[in-house]
Amino acid sequence: MQSKISPGFADRLSTQAEAKKALLAKFKPKETVQAPDGALTRDQIKAQEREAMRQARAEEKLRQEEERRSQQTQRAASALAEVQAALEAKRAERKDRKAAAKEEARLRRQLKRA
């Protein structure tokens, strides 16, 4: 039996070979961790985020468009109300003028008869 105190040539060679194997084992690629089936990849997550942003922007754009149209409708309604009020005022003035003219004509007829 050989003594471990003074190793022989064969012991040194085997120790060297083991050390070399251990050193090379460090550089071997390790097994990758596989994502479970159904898990989203990074690209898929980014695509979903982009789609969510697009949808949010589209909704905001629609909301702004509806608000703008609502304001336009309100402005048009107020302008229409102003025009109608002006027409009503003109009609009222015309009615008063005609009523005054009729009254004046009636008074003239009464004075002529009397």
PDB file of N, CA and C in Angstrom:
ATOM      1  N   MET A   1       0.831  -1.155   0.000  1.00  0.00           N
ATOM      2  CA  MET A   1       0.000   0.000   0.000  1.00  0.00           C
ATOM      3  C   MET A   1       0.885   1.229   0.000  1.00  0.00           C
ATOM      4  N   GLN A   2       0.427   2.221  -0.788  1.00  0.00           N
ATOM      5  CA  GLN A   2       1.245   3.418  -0.894  1.00  0.00           C
ATOM      6  C   GLN A   2       0.853   4.405   0.184  1.00  0.00           C
ATOM      7  N   SER A   3       1.795   5.165   0.550  1.00  0.00           N
ATOM      8  CA  SER A   3       1.582   6.148   1.591  1.00  0.00           C
ATOM      9  C   SER A   3       1.046   7.428   0.960  1.00  0.00           C
ATOM     10  N   LYS A   4       0.100   8.062   1.639  1.00  0.00           N
ATOM     11  CA  LYS A   4      -0.455   9.308   1.137  1.00  0.00           C
ATOM     12  C   LYS A   4       0.442  10.491   1.492  1.00  0.00           C
ATOM     13  N   ILE A   5       1.388  10.275   2.293  1.00  0.00           N
ATOM     14  CA  ILE A   5       2.299  11.343   2.680  1.00  0.00           C
ATOM     15  C   ILE A   5       3.191  11.708   1.514  1.00  0.00           C
ATOM     16  N   SER A   6       3.737  10.761   0.856  1.00  0.00           N
ATOM     17  CA  SER A   6       4.574  11.058  -0.297  1.00  0.00           C
ATOM     18  C   SER A   6       3.908  10.455  -1.522  1.00  0.00           C
ATOM     19  N   PRO A   7       3.117  11.238  -2.212  1.00  0.00           N
ATOM     20  CA  PRO A   7       2.404  10.683  -3.341  1.00  0.00           C
ATOM     21  C   PRO A   7       3.346  10.353  -4.479  1.00  0.00           C
ATOM     22  N   GLY A   8       2.937   9.371  -5.199  1.00  0.00           N
ATOM     23  CA  GLY A   8       3.755   8.965  -6.322  1.00  0.00           C
ATOM     24  C   GLY A   8       3.364   9.707  -7.581  1.00  0.00           C
ATOM     25  N   PHE A   9       4.032   9.342  -8.648  1.00  0.00           N
ATOM     26  CA  PHE A   9       3.795   9.996  -9.923  1.00  0.00           C
ATOM     27  C   PHE A   9       2.358   9.778 -10.402  1.00  0.00           C
ATOM     28  N   ALA A  10       1.842   8.596 -10.262  1.00  0.00           N
ATOM     29  CA  ALA A  10       0.495   8.271 -10.711  1.00  0.00           C
ATOM     30  C   ALA A  10      -0.543   9.073  -9.915  1.00  0.00           C
ATOM     31  N   ASP A  11      -0.301   9.228  -8.607  1.00  0.00           N
ATOM     32  CA  ASP A  11      -1.219  10.015  -7.783  1.00  0.00           C
ATOM     33  C   ASP A  11      -1.246  11.476  -8.237  1.00  0.00           C
ATOM     34  N   ARG A  12      -0.096  11.994  -8.541  1.00  0.00           N
ATOM     35  CA  ARG A  12      -0.034  13.382  -8.989  1.00  0.00           C
ATOM     36  C   ARG A  12      -0.735  13.561 -10.331  1.00  0.00           C
ATOM     37  N   LEU A  13      -0.578  12.584 -11.218  1.00  0.00           N
ATOM     38  CA  LEU A  13      -1.239  12.661 -12.516  1.00  0.00           C
ATOM     39  C   LEU A  13      -2.764  12.588 -12.360  1.00  0.00           C
ATOM     40  N   SER A  14      -3.254  11.700 -11.511  1.00  0.00           N
ATOM     41  CA  SER A  14      -4.705  11.579 -11.335  1.00  0.00           C
ATOM     42  C   SER A  14      -5.274  12.834 -10.667  1.00  0.00           C
ATOM     43  N   THR A  15      -4.535  13.385  -9.691  1.00  0.00           N
ATOM     44  CA  THR A  15      -4.979  14.610  -9.031  1.00  0.00           C
ATOM     45  C   THR A  15      -5.032  15.750 -10.040  1.00  0.00           C
ATOM     46  N   GLN A  16      -4.002  15.806 -10.896  1.00  0.00           N
ATOM     47  CA  GLN A  16      -3.967  16.853 -11.929  1.00  0.00           C
ATOM     48  C   GLN A  16      -5.122  16.687 -12.903  1.00  0.00           C
ATOM     49  N   ALA A  17      -5.430  15.473 -13.299  1.00  0.00           N
ATOM     50  CA  ALA A  17      -6.525  15.217 -14.234  1.00  0.00           C
ATOM     51  C   ALA A  17      -7.867  15.605 -13.606  1.00  0.00           C
ATOM     52  N   GLU A  18      -8.057  15.295 -12.337  1.00  0.00           N
ATOM     53  CA  GLU A  18      -9.296  15.672 -11.652  1.00  0.00           C
ATOM     54  C   GLU A  18      -9.447  17.196 -11.561  1.00  0.00           C
ATOM     55  N   ALA A  19      -8.321  17.861 -11.265  1.00  0.00           N
ATOM     56  CA  ALA A  19      -8.362  19.316 -11.178  1.00  0.00           C
ATOM     57  C   ALA A  19      -8.693  19.927 -12.538  1.00  0.00           C
ATOM     58  N   LYS A  20      -8.122  19.366 -13.603  1.00  0.00           N
ATOM     59  CA  LYS A  20      -8.384  19.867 -14.941  1.00  0.00           C
ATOM     60  C   LYS A  20      -9.856  19.657 -15.319  1.00  0.00           C
ATOM     61  N   LYS A  21     -10.415  18.478 -14.950  1.00  0.00           N
ATOM     62  CA  LYS A  21     -11.828  18.219 -15.223  1.00  0.00           C
ATOM     63  C   LYS A  21     -12.725  19.209 -14.476  1.00  0.00           C
ATOM     64  N   ALA A  22     -12.384  19.500 -13.230  1.00  0.00           N
ATOM     65  CA  ALA A  22     -13.173  20.442 -12.438  1.00  0.00           C
ATOM     66  C   ALA A  22     -13.119  21.840 -13.049  1.00  0.00           C
ATOM     67  N   LEU A  23     -11.926  22.240 -13.523  1.00  0.00           N
ATOM     68  CA  LEU A  23     -11.774  23.547 -14.147  1.00  0.00           C
ATOM     69  C   LEU A  23     -12.578  23.634 -15.437  1.00  0.00           C
ATOM     70  N   LEU A  24     -12.549  22.574 -16.243  1.00  0.00           N
ATOM     71  CA  LEU A  24     -13.316  22.579 -17.493  1.00  0.00           C
ATOM     72  C   LEU A  24     -14.824  22.525 -17.235  1.00  0.00           C
ATOM     73  N   ALA A  25     -15.215  21.909 -16.136  1.00  0.00           N
ATOM     74  CA  ALA A  25     -16.636  21.808 -15.815  1.00  0.00           C
ATOM     75  C   ALA A  25     -17.235  23.193 -15.548  1.00  0.00           C
ATOM     76  N   LYS A  26     -16.402  24.124 -15.085  1.00  0.00           N
ATOM     77  CA  LYS A  26     -16.886  25.482 -14.832  1.00  0.00           C
ATOM     78  C   LYS A  26     -17.348  26.157 -16.125  1.00  0.00           C
ATOM     79  N   PHE A  27     -16.670  25.824 -17.233  1.00  0.00           N
ATOM     80  CA  PHE A  27     -16.959  26.494 -18.499  1.00  0.00           C
ATOM     81  C   PHE A  27     -18.049  25.822 -19.323  1.00  0.00           C
ATOM     82  N   LYS A  28     -18.489  24.646 -18.908  1.00  0.00           N
ATOM     83  CA  LYS A  28     -19.558  23.977 -19.640  1.00  0.00           C
ATOM     84  C   LYS A  28     -20.863  24.738 -19.435  1.00  0.00           C
ATOM     85  N   PRO A  29     -21.685  24.816 -20.484  1.00  0.00           N
ATOM     86  CA  PRO A  29     -22.959  25.534 -20.325  1.00  0.00           C
ATOM     87  C   PRO A  29     -23.859  24.806 -19.331  1.00  0.00           C
ATOM     88  N   LYS A  30     -24.497  25.613 -18.529  1.00  0.00           N
ATOM     89  CA  LYS A  30     -25.400  25.045 -17.527  1.00  0.00           C
ATOM     90  C   LYS A  30     -26.781  24.890 -18.143  1.00  0.00           C
ATOM     91  N   GLU A  31     -27.580  24.076 -17.534  1.00  0.00           N
ATOM     92  CA  GLU A  31     -28.936  23.887 -18.022  1.00  0.00           C
ATOM     93  C   GLU A  31     -29.714  25.182 -17.825  1.00  0.00           C
ATOM     94  N   THR A  32     -30.487  25.545 -18.825  1.00  0.00           N
ATOM     95  CA  THR A  32     -31.278  26.762 -18.711  1.00  0.00           C
ATOM     96  C   THR A  32     -32.562  26.453 -17.974  1.00  0.00           C
ATOM     97  N   VAL A  33     -33.048  27.468 -17.319  1.00  0.00           N
ATOM     98  CA  VAL A  33     -34.317  27.313 -16.614  1.00  0.00           C
ATOM     99  C   VAL A  33     -35.414  27.545 -17.631  1.00  0.00           C
ATOM    100  N   GLN A  34     -36.248  26.579 -17.811  1.00  0.00           N
ATOM    101  CA  GLN A  34     -37.333  26.677 -18.778  1.00  0.00           C
ATOM    102  C   GLN A  34     -38.561  27.280 -18.115  1.00  0.00           C
ATOM    103  N   ALA A  35     -39.153  28.229 -18.806  1.00  0.00           N
ATOM    104  CA  ALA A  35     -40.394  28.811 -18.301  1.00  0.00           C
ATOM    105  C   ALA A  35     -41.498  27.774 -18.470  1.00  0.00           C
ATOM    106  N   PRO A  36     -42.439  27.779 -17.563  1.00  0.00           N
ATOM    107  CA  PRO A  36     -43.529  26.808 -17.700  1.00  0.00           C
ATOM    108  C   PRO A  36     -44.350  27.090 -18.954  1.00  0.00           C
ATOM    109  N   ASP A  37     -44.984  26.064 -19.449  1.00  0.00           N
ATOM    110  CA  ASP A  37     -45.825  26.239 -20.641  1.00  0.00           C
ATOM    111  C   ASP A  37     -46.920  27.245 -20.348  1.00  0.00           C
ATOM    112  N   GLY A  38     -47.163  28.122 -21.302  1.00  0.00           N
ATOM    113  CA  GLY A  38     -48.205  29.126 -21.122  1.00  0.00           C
ATOM    114  C   GLY A  38     -47.664  30.421 -20.541  1.00  0.00           C
ATOM    115  N   ALA A  39     -46.413  30.439 -20.080  1.00  0.00           N
ATOM    116  CA  ALA A  39     -45.840  31.676 -19.557  1.00  0.00           C
ATOM    117  C   ALA A  39     -45.517  32.593 -20.734  1.00  0.00           C
ATOM    118  N   LEU A  40     -45.688  33.868 -20.530  1.00  0.00           N
ATOM    119  CA  LEU A  40     -45.452  34.831 -21.600  1.00  0.00           C
ATOM    120  C   LEU A  40     -43.974  35.166 -21.708  1.00  0.00           C
ATOM    121  N   THR A  41     -43.522  35.348 -22.938  1.00  0.00           N
ATOM    122  CA  THR A  41     -42.144  35.764 -23.134  1.00  0.00           C
ATOM    123  C   THR A  41     -42.065  37.272 -22.963  1.00  0.00           C
ATOM    124  N   ARG A  42     -40.857  37.753 -22.895  1.00  0.00           N
ATOM    125  CA  ARG A  42     -40.654  39.185 -22.704  1.00  0.00           C
ATOM    126  C   ARG A  42     -41.236  39.989 -23.871  1.00  0.00           C
ATOM    127  N   ASP A  43     -41.042  39.457 -25.082  1.00  0.00           N
ATOM    128  CA  ASP A  43     -41.590  40.134 -26.267  1.00  0.00           C
ATOM    129  C   ASP A  43     -43.117  40.178 -26.228  1.00  0.00           C
ATOM    130  N   GLN A  44     -43.729  39.103 -25.773  1.00  0.00           N
ATOM    131  CA  GLN A  44     -45.186  39.073 -25.683  1.00  0.00           C
ATOM    132  C   GLN A  44     -45.682  40.073 -24.645  1.00  0.00           C
ATOM    133  N   ILE A  45     -44.978  40.176 -23.522  1.00  0.00           N
ATOM    134  CA  ILE A  45     -45.356  41.131 -22.483  1.00  0.00           C
ATOM    135  C   ILE A  45     -45.252  42.554 -23.029  1.00  0.00           C
ATOM    136  N   LYS A  46     -44.145  42.845 -23.730  1.00  0.00           N
ATOM    137  CA  LYS A  46     -43.963  44.179 -24.317  1.00  0.00           C
ATOM    138  C   LYS A  46     -45.064  44.475 -25.336  1.00  0.00           C
ATOM    139  N   ALA A  47     -45.418  43.475 -26.146  1.00  0.00           N
ATOM    140  CA  ALA A  47     -46.465  43.666 -27.151  1.00  0.00           C
ATOM    141  C   ALA A  47     -47.802  43.971 -26.475  1.00  0.00           C
ATOM    142  N   GLN A  48     -48.089  43.272 -25.382  1.00  0.00           N
ATOM    143  CA  GLN A  48     -49.334  43.539 -24.652  1.00  0.00           C
ATOM    144  C   GLN A  48     -49.332  44.946 -24.071  1.00  0.00           C
ATOM    145  N   GLU A  49     -48.199  45.381 -23.538  1.00  0.00           N
ATOM    146  CA  GLU A  49     -48.108  46.733 -22.979  1.00  0.00           C
ATOM    147  C   GLU A  49     -48.316  47.777 -24.074  1.00  0.00           C
ATOM    148  N   ARG A  50     -47.688  47.556 -25.241  1.00  0.00           N
ATOM    149  CA  ARG A  50     -47.856  48.494 -26.350  1.00  0.00           C
ATOM    150  C   ARG A  50     -49.308  48.547 -26.796  1.00  0.00           C
ATOM    151  N   GLU A  51     -49.943  47.397 -26.884  1.00  0.00           N
ATOM    152  CA  GLU A  51     -51.344  47.353 -27.296  1.00  0.00           C
ATOM    153  C   GLU A  51     -52.228  48.069 -26.282  1.00  0.00           C
ATOM    154  N   ALA A  52     -51.925  47.897 -25.004  1.00  0.00           N
ATOM    155  CA  ALA A  52     -52.702  48.586 -23.964  1.00  0.00           C
ATOM    156  C   ALA A  52     -52.527  50.101 -24.087  1.00  0.00           C
ATOM    157  N   MET A  53     -51.308  50.559 -24.366  1.00  0.00           N
ATOM    158  CA  MET A  53     -51.062  51.994 -24.540  1.00  0.00           C
ATOM    159  C   MET A  53     -51.817  52.514 -25.768  1.00  0.00           C
ATOM    160  N   ARG A  54     -51.794  51.751 -26.864  1.00  0.00           N
ATOM    161  CA  ARG A  54     -52.515  52.174 -28.072  1.00  0.00           C
ATOM    162  C   ARG A  54     -54.001  52.297 -27.791  1.00  0.00           C
ATOM    163  N   GLN A  55     -54.522  51.321 -27.080  1.00  0.00           N
ATOM    164  CA  GLN A  55     -55.946  51.337 -26.768  1.00  0.00           C
ATOM    165  C   GLN A  55     -56.291  52.524 -25.867  1.00  0.00           C
ATOM    166  N   ALA A  56     -55.439  52.793 -24.875  1.00  0.00           N
ATOM    167  CA  ALA A  56     -55.689  53.926 -23.976  1.00  0.00           C
ATOM    168  C   ALA A  56     -55.651  55.239 -24.754  1.00  0.00           C
ATOM    169  N   ARG A  57     -54.690  55.362 -25.663  1.00  0.00           N
ATOM    170  CA  ARG A  57     -54.608  56.580 -26.472  1.00  0.00           C
ATOM    171  C   ARG A  57     -55.830  56.726 -27.373  1.00  0.00           C
ATOM    172  N   ALA A  58     -56.267  55.613 -27.963  1.00  0.00           N
ATOM    173  CA  ALA A  58     -57.437  55.668 -28.842  1.00  0.00           C
ATOM    174  C   ALA A  58     -58.682  56.062 -28.051  1.00  0.00           C
ATOM    175  N   GLU A  59     -58.822  55.521 -26.847  1.00  0.00           N
ATOM    176  CA  GLU A  59     -59.972  55.888 -26.013  1.00  0.00           C
ATOM    177  C   GLU A  59     -59.924  57.362 -25.632  1.00  0.00           C
ATOM    178  N   GLU A  60     -58.739  57.860 -25.301  1.00  0.00           N
ATOM    179  CA  GLU A  60     -58.590  59.277 -24.951  1.00  0.00           C
ATOM    180  C   GLU A  60     -58.925  60.154 -26.155  1.00  0.00           C
ATOM    181  N   LYS A  61     -58.486  59.727 -27.329  1.00  0.00           N
ATOM    182  CA  LYS A  61     -58.768  60.484 -28.540  1.00  0.00           C
ATOM    183  C   LYS A  61     -60.269  60.523 -28.808  1.00  0.00           C
ATOM    184  N   LEU A  62     -60.937  59.378 -28.636  1.00  0.00           N
ATOM    185  CA  LEU A  62     -62.387  59.336 -28.825  1.00  0.00           C
ATOM    186  C   LEU A  62     -63.096  60.227 -27.815  1.00  0.00           C
ATOM    187  N   ARG A  63     -62.647  60.207 -26.557  1.00  0.00           N
ATOM    188  CA  ARG A  63     -63.252  61.034 -25.523  1.00  0.00           C
ATOM    189  C   ARG A  63     -63.105  62.513 -25.869  1.00  0.00           C
ATOM    190  N   GLN A  64     -61.911  62.898 -26.329  1.00  0.00           N
ATOM    191  CA  GLN A  64     -61.680  64.288 -26.710  1.00  0.00           C
ATOM    192  C   GLN A  64     -62.547  64.673 -27.898  1.00  0.00           C
ATOM    193  N   GLU A  65     -62.697  63.766 -28.863  1.00  0.00           N
ATOM    194  CA  GLU A  65     -63.522  64.046 -30.039  1.00  0.00           C
ATOM    195  C   GLU A  65     -64.987  64.220 -29.633  1.00  0.00           C
ATOM    196  N   GLU A  66     -65.462  63.357 -28.737  1.00  0.00           N
ATOM    197  CA  GLU A  66     -66.841  63.480 -28.257  1.00  0.00           C
ATOM    198  C   GLU A  66     -67.035  64.794 -27.506  1.00  0.00           C
ATOM    199  N   GLU A  67     -66.052  65.172 -26.713  1.00  0.00           N
ATOM    200  CA  GLU A  67     -66.134  66.431 -25.964  1.00  0.00           C
ATOM    201  C   GLU A  67     -66.170  67.619 -26.915  1.00  0.00           C
ATOM    202  N   ARG A  68     -65.334  67.562 -27.948  1.00  0.00           N
ATOM    203  CA  ARG A  68     -65.291  68.641 -28.941  1.00  0.00           C
ATOM    204  C   ARG A  68     -66.628  68.742 -29.673  1.00  0.00           C
ATOM    205  N   ARG A  69     -67.174  67.595 -30.054  1.00  0.00           N
ATOM    206  CA  ARG A  69     -68.462  67.606 -30.743  1.00  0.00           C
ATOM    207  C   ARG A  69     -69.572  68.122 -29.833  1.00  0.00           C
ATOM    208  N   SER A  70     -69.499  67.752 -28.569  1.00  0.00           N
ATOM    209  CA  SER A  70     -70.495  68.221 -27.610  1.00  0.00           C
ATOM    210  C   SER A  70     -70.432  69.746 -27.487  1.00  0.00           C
ATOM    211  N   GLN A  71     -69.218  70.278 -27.411  1.00  0.00           N
ATOM    212  CA  GLN A  71     -69.054  71.728 -27.324  1.00  0.00           C
ATOM    213  C   GLN A  71     -69.576  72.407 -28.590  1.00  0.00           C
ATOM    214  N   GLN A  72     -69.295  71.804 -29.752  1.00  0.00           N
ATOM    215  CA  GLN A  72     -69.790  72.379 -30.999  1.00  0.00           C
ATOM    216  C   GLN A  72     -71.312  72.367 -31.019  1.00  0.00           C
ATOM    217  N   THR A  73     -71.902  71.278 -30.542  1.00  0.00           N
ATOM    218  CA  THR A  73     -73.357  71.178 -30.504  1.00  0.00           C
ATOM    219  C   THR A  73     -73.948  72.232 -29.580  1.00  0.00           C
ATOM    220  N   GLN A  74     -73.309  72.423 -28.437  1.00  0.00           N
ATOM    221  CA  GLN A  74     -73.779  73.435 -27.495  1.00  0.00           C
ATOM    222  C   GLN A  74     -73.686  74.828 -28.104  1.00  0.00           C
ATOM    223  N   ARG A  75     -72.567  75.109 -28.790  1.00  0.00           N
ATOM    224  CA  ARG A  75     -72.411  76.417 -29.426  1.00  0.00           C
ATOM    225  C   ARG A  75     -73.468  76.619 -30.509  1.00  0.00           C
ATOM    226  N   ALA A  76     -73.706  75.569 -31.295  1.00  0.00           N
ATOM    227  CA  ALA A  76     -74.704  75.668 -32.357  1.00  0.00           C
ATOM    228  C   ALA A  76     -76.093  75.872 -31.759  1.00  0.00           C
ATOM    229  N   ALA A  77     -76.380  75.166 -30.673  1.00  0.00           N
ATOM    230  CA  ALA A  77     -77.688  75.307 -30.028  1.00  0.00           C
ATOM    231  C   ALA A  77     -77.867  76.714 -29.476  1.00  0.00           C
ATOM    232  N   SER A  78     -76.835  77.273 -28.878  1.00  0.00           N
ATOM    233  CA  SER A  78     -76.958  78.631 -28.336  1.00  0.00           C
ATOM    234  C   SER A  78     -77.091  79.650 -29.470  1.00  0.00           C
ATOM    235  N   ALA A  79     -76.390  79.434 -30.569  1.00  0.00           N
ATOM    236  CA  ALA A  79     -76.512  80.336 -31.715  1.00  0.00           C
ATOM    237  C   ALA A  79     -77.916  80.244 -32.298  1.00  0.00           C
ATOM    238  N   LEU A  80     -78.446  79.032 -32.384  1.00  0.00           N
ATOM    239  CA  LEU A  80     -79.799  78.847 -32.894  1.00  0.00           C
ATOM    240  C   LEU A  80     -80.815  79.521 -31.980  1.00  0.00           C
ATOM    241  N   ALA A  81     -80.608  79.404 -30.674  1.00  0.00           N
ATOM    242  CA  ALA A  81     -81.514  80.048 -29.717  1.00  0.00           C
ATOM    243  C   ALA A  81     -81.472  81.567 -29.878  1.00  0.00           C
ATOM    244  N   GLU A  82     -80.265  82.111 -30.106  1.00  0.00           N
ATOM    245  CA  GLU A  82     -80.147  83.554 -30.313  1.00  0.00           C
ATOM    246  C   GLU A  82     -80.897  83.989 -31.575  1.00  0.00           C
ATOM    247  N   VAL A  83     -80.749  83.222 -32.636  1.00  0.00           N
ATOM    248  CA  VAL A  83     -81.423  83.555 -33.900  1.00  0.00           C
ATOM    249  C   VAL A  83     -82.936  83.482 -33.717  1.00  0.00           C
ATOM    250  N   GLN A  84     -83.400  82.434 -33.038  1.00  0.00           N
ATOM    251  CA  GLN A  84     -84.836  82.303 -32.794  1.00  0.00           C
ATOM    252  C   GLN A  84     -85.359  83.452 -31.934  1.00  0.00           C
ATOM    253  N   ALA A  85     -84.596  83.842 -30.926  1.00  0.00           N
ATOM    254  CA  ALA A  85     -85.014  84.966 -30.079  1.00  0.00           C
ATOM    255  C   ALA A  85     -85.098  86.254 -30.897  1.00  0.00           C
ATOM    256  N   ALA A  86     -84.141  86.458 -31.800  1.00  0.00           N
ATOM    257  CA  ALA A  86     -84.160  87.652 -32.644  1.00  0.00           C
ATOM    258  C   ALA A  86     -85.382  87.631 -33.564  1.00  0.00           C
ATOM    259  N   LEU A  87     -85.699  86.460 -34.145  1.00  0.00           N
ATOM    260  CA  LEU A  87     -86.875  86.352 -35.011  1.00  0.00           C
ATOM    261  C   LEU A  87     -88.159  86.604 -34.225  1.00  0.00           C
ATOM    262  N   GLU A  88     -88.230  86.050 -33.030  1.00  0.00           N
ATOM    263  CA  GLU A  88     -89.409  86.279 -32.187  1.00  0.00           C
ATOM    264  C   GLU A  88     -89.569  87.764 -31.863  1.00  0.00           C
ATOM    265  N   ALA A  89     -88.447  88.427 -31.597  1.00  0.00           N
ATOM    266  CA  ALA A  89     -88.511  89.862 -31.294  1.00  0.00           C
ATOM    267  C   ALA A  89     -89.014  90.640 -32.512  1.00  0.00           C
ATOM    268  N   LYS A  90     -88.517  90.268 -33.710  1.00  0.00           N
ATOM    269  CA  LYS A  90     -88.971  90.939 -34.925  1.00  0.00           C
ATOM    270  C   LYS A  90     -90.466  90.717 -35.138  1.00  0.00           C
ATOM    271  N   ARG A  91     -90.913  89.467 -34.934  1.00  0.00           N
ATOM    272  CA  ARG A  91     -92.343  89.167 -35.099  1.00  0.00           C
ATOM    273  C   ARG A  91     -93.190  89.961 -34.104  1.00  0.00           C
ATOM    274  N   ALA A  92     -92.733  90.002 -32.871  1.00  0.00           N
ATOM    275  CA  ALA A  92     -93.484  90.739 -31.845  1.00  0.00           C
ATOM    276  C   ALA A  92     -93.570  92.221 -32.213  1.00  0.00           C
ATOM    277  N   GLU A  93     -92.444  92.769 -32.704  1.00  0.00           N
ATOM    278  CA  GLU A  93     -92.438  94.187 -33.098  1.00  0.00           C
ATOM    279  C   GLU A  93     -93.406  94.417 -34.265  1.00  0.00           C
ATOM    280  N   ARG A  94     -93.382  93.512 -35.234  1.00  0.00           N
ATOM    281  CA  ARG A  94     -94.265  93.635 -36.386  1.00  0.00           C
ATOM    282  C   ARG A  94     -95.728  93.539 -35.943  1.00  0.00           C
ATOM    283  N   LYS A  95     -96.029  92.596 -35.038  1.00  0.00           N
ATOM    284  CA  LYS A  95     -97.408  92.467 -34.540  1.00  0.00           C
ATOM    285  C   LYS A  95     -97.847  93.741 -33.824  1.00  0.00           C
ATOM    286  N   ASP A  96     -96.957  94.280 -32.995  1.00  0.00           N
ATOM    287  CA  ASP A  96     -97.300  95.523 -32.282  1.00  0.00           C
ATOM    288  C   ASP A  96     -97.533  96.663 -33.269  1.00  0.00           C
ATOM    289  N   ARG A  97     -96.697  96.759 -34.261  1.00  0.00           N
ATOM    290  CA  ARG A  97     -96.826  97.824 -35.260  1.00  0.00           C
ATOM    291  C   ARG A  97     -98.134  97.681 -36.031  1.00  0.00           C
ATOM    292  N   LYS A  98     -98.458  96.443 -36.425  1.00  0.00           N
ATOM    293  CA  LYS A  98     -99.720  96.228 -37.150  1.00  0.00           C
ATOM    294  C   LYS A  98    -100.923  96.507 -36.253  1.00  0.00           C
ATOM    295  N   ALA A  99    -100.814  96.086 -34.993  1.00  0.00           N
ATOM    296  CA  ALA A  99    -101.920  96.336 -34.064  1.00  0.00           C
ATOM    297  C   ALA A  99    -102.105  97.834 -33.861  1.00  0.00           C
ATOM    298  N   ALA A 100    -100.988  98.557 -33.760  1.00  0.00           N
ATOM    299  CA  ALA A 100    -101.074 100.013 -33.597  1.00  0.00           C
ATOM    300  C   ALA A 100    -101.678 100.653 -34.842  1.00  0.00           C
ATOM    301  N   ALA A 101    -101.307 100.185 -36.016  1.00  0.00           N
ATOM    302  CA  ALA A 101    -101.836 100.730 -37.268  1.00  0.00           C
ATOM    303  C   ALA A 101    -103.337 100.447 -37.368  1.00  0.00           C
ATOM    304  N   LYS A 102    -103.755  99.240 -36.973  1.00  0.00           N
ATOM    305  CA  LYS A 102    -105.181  98.898 -36.999  1.00  0.00           C
ATOM    306  C   LYS A 102    -105.968  99.790 -36.036  1.00  0.00           C
ATOM    307  N   GLU A 103    -105.400  99.973 -34.858  1.00  0.00           N
ATOM    308  CA  GLU A 103    -106.069 100.815 -33.849  1.00  0.00           C
ATOM    309  C   GLU A 103    -106.190 102.246 -34.351  1.00  0.00           C
ATOM    310  N   GLU A 104    -105.133 102.728 -34.984  1.00  0.00           N
ATOM    311  CA  GLU A 104    -105.153 104.096 -35.518  1.00  0.00           C
ATOM    312  C   GLU A 104    -106.203 104.223 -36.626  1.00  0.00           C
ATOM    313  N   ALA A 105    -106.271 103.220 -37.498  1.00  0.00           N
ATOM    314  CA  ALA A 105    -107.255 103.234 -38.573  1.00  0.00           C
ATOM    315  C   ALA A 105    -108.661 103.164 -37.994  1.00  0.00           C
ATOM    316  N   ARG A 106    -108.861 102.353 -36.968  1.00  0.00           N
ATOM    317  CA  ARG A 106    -110.174 102.252 -36.335  1.00  0.00           C
ATOM    318  C   ARG A 106    -110.583 103.596 -35.717  1.00  0.00           C
ATOM    319  N   LEU A 107    -109.650 104.260 -35.056  1.00  0.00           N
ATOM    320  CA  LEU A 107    -109.936 105.571 -34.450  1.00  0.00           C
ATOM    321  C   LEU A 107    -110.281 106.602 -35.536  1.00  0.00           C
ATOM    322  N   ARG A 108    -109.549 106.578 -36.649  1.00  0.00           N
ATOM    323  CA  ARG A 108    -109.844 107.513 -37.734  1.00  0.00           C
ATOM    324  C   ARG A 108    -111.247 107.285 -38.280  1.00  0.00           C
ATOM    325  N   ARG A 109    -111.616 106.016 -38.424  1.00  0.00           N
ATOM    326  CA  ARG A 109    -112.946 105.705 -38.923  1.00  0.00           C
ATOM    327  C   ARG A 109    -114.017 106.207 -37.941  1.00  0.00           C
ATOM    328  N   GLN A 110    -113.750 106.020 -36.656  1.00  0.00           N
ATOM    329  CA  GLN A 110    -114.724 106.485 -35.643  1.00  0.00           C
ATOM    330  C   GLN A 110    -114.838 108.016 -35.685  1.00  0.00           C
ATOM    331  N   LEU A 111    -113.714 108.718 -35.834  1.00  0.00           N
ATOM    332  CA  LEU A 111    -113.765 110.177 -35.889  1.00  0.00           C
ATOM    333  C   LEU A 111    -114.480 110.643 -37.148  1.00  0.00           C
ATOM    334  N   LYS A 112    -114.310 109.952 -38.215  1.00  0.00           N
ATOM    335  CA  LYS A 112    -114.957 110.308 -39.467  1.00  0.00           C
ATOM    336  C   LYS A 112    -116.472 110.121 -39.338  1.00  0.00           C
ATOM    337  N   ARG A 113    -116.918 109.125 -38.658  1.00  0.00           N
ATOM    338  CA  ARG A 113    -118.341 108.847 -38.506  1.00  0.00           C
ATOM    339  C   ARG A 113    -118.955 109.801 -37.493  1.00  0.00           C
ATOM    340  N   ALA A 114    -118.213 110.229 -36.581  1.00  0.00           N
ATOM    341  CA  ALA A 114    -118.806 111.047 -35.525  1.00  0.00           C
ATOM    342  C   ALA A 114    -118.895 112.495 -35.886  1.00  0.00           C
TER     343      ALA A 114
END
